[in-house]
Protein backbone atom coordinates (compact mmCIF):
# COMPACT_ATOMS: atom_id res chain seq x y z
CA MET A 1 17.88 6.62 -16.76
CA GLU A 2 16.53 9.64 -19.03
CA VAL A 3 17.12 12.88 -17.40
CA GLU A 4 15.45 15.29 -19.99
CA PRO A 5 12.86 16.90 -20.37
CA PRO A 6 10.76 16.53 -17.45
CA ASN A 7 7.41 15.42 -18.13
CA TRP A 8 4.74 16.79 -15.61
CA GLN A 9 1.58 15.62 -17.62
CA PRO A 10 0.98 12.33 -15.81
CA LEU A 11 1.11 14.02 -12.47
CA GLU A 12 -1.14 17.06 -13.72
CA LEU A 13 -3.77 14.87 -15.01
CA ARG A 14 -3.96 13.27 -11.49
CA ILE A 15 -3.58 16.10 -8.99
CA GLY A 16 -3.77 19.38 -11.01
CA ALA A 17 -2.36 22.33 -9.05
CA ARG A 18 -0.87 20.03 -6.42
CA CYS A 19 1.96 19.01 -8.81
CA ALA A 20 3.93 22.28 -7.21
CA GLU A 21 4.45 19.96 -4.10
CA PHE A 22 6.51 17.69 -6.27
CA MET A 23 9.92 17.84 -7.99
CA TRP A 24 10.43 15.57 -11.28
CA MET A 25 13.31 13.74 -10.71
CA TYR A 26 14.05 11.30 -13.69
CA ARG A 27 12.32 8.82 -16.11
CA GLU A 28 13.42 5.07 -16.20
CA ASN A 29 11.82 2.75 -18.46
CA GLY A 30 8.86 5.00 -19.17
CA VAL A 31 8.07 5.57 -15.75
CA GLU A 32 8.33 9.25 -14.29
CA TYR A 33 9.86 9.64 -10.90
CA TYR A 34 8.33 12.65 -8.72
CA LYS A 35 9.53 13.41 -5.26
CA HIS A 36 7.44 15.21 -2.71
CA ILE A 37 9.24 18.33 -1.53
CA ILE A 38 8.25 17.73 2.29
CA THR A 39 8.08 14.12 2.77
CA ARG A 40 10.76 12.90 0.26
CA ARG A 41 8.64 10.15 -0.81
CA TYR A 42 8.40 9.27 -4.47
CA MET A 43 5.38 9.08 -6.41
CA MET A 44 5.67 6.92 -10.01
CA LEU A 45 3.50 7.14 -12.84
CA ASP A 46 3.66 5.83 -16.40
CA GLY A 47 2.81 8.29 -19.50
CA GLN A 48 -0.76 7.32 -19.26
CA GLY A 49 -1.03 8.11 -15.43
CA GLN A 50 -0.75 4.77 -14.13
CA CYS A 51 0.60 4.43 -10.66
CA TYR A 52 3.60 2.20 -9.30
CA ALA A 53 5.05 1.24 -6.29
CA GLN A 54 8.57 -0.09 -5.17
CA ARG A 55 8.29 -3.64 -4.15
CA GLY A 56 11.91 -4.83 -3.28
CA ALA A 57 13.88 -4.39 -6.55
CA HIS A 58 10.72 -4.03 -8.86
CA LEU A 59 7.85 -1.76 -9.54
CA VAL A 60 4.27 -3.09 -9.32
CA VAL A 61 1.09 -1.52 -10.44
CA ALA A 62 -0.52 0.07 -7.37
CA ASP A 63 -3.66 2.00 -6.46
CA PHE A 64 -3.23 5.69 -6.93
CA SER A 65 -5.16 6.92 -3.88
CA GLU A 66 -3.33 4.78 -1.80
CA GLU A 67 0.13 5.81 -3.07
CA PHE A 68 -0.98 9.42 -3.00
CA SER A 69 -1.96 9.18 0.55
CA ARG A 70 1.33 7.38 1.46
CA VAL A 71 3.44 10.04 -0.47
CA THR A 72 1.81 12.98 0.95
CA GLU A 73 1.40 12.11 4.26
CA ALA A 74 3.51 14.08 6.76
CA TYR A 75 5.94 11.95 8.88
CA ILE A 76 5.67 12.92 12.42
CA ASP A 77 8.32 11.80 14.72
CA ARG A 78 6.68 10.96 18.05
CA ASP A 79 9.69 11.37 20.07
CA GLN A 80 9.68 14.94 19.04
CA ILE A 81 6.32 15.66 20.27
């Protein structure tokens, strides 16, 4: 796991100013791990902006739009309504 320096470029290329909604966490095997500050879900991108999703113990190539929706969609606890 590589900890420094953060690489915001892949996320900035995809979502621009909305990067402010994320924290850069770490880099592993060339994949940048960003955590959404509200949902706490991870967005994973390589240096070229290719998106990945966790499937079991492995990363698989994923559709960016679907992953972005999953990561940024606020969780609503129906029991709290």
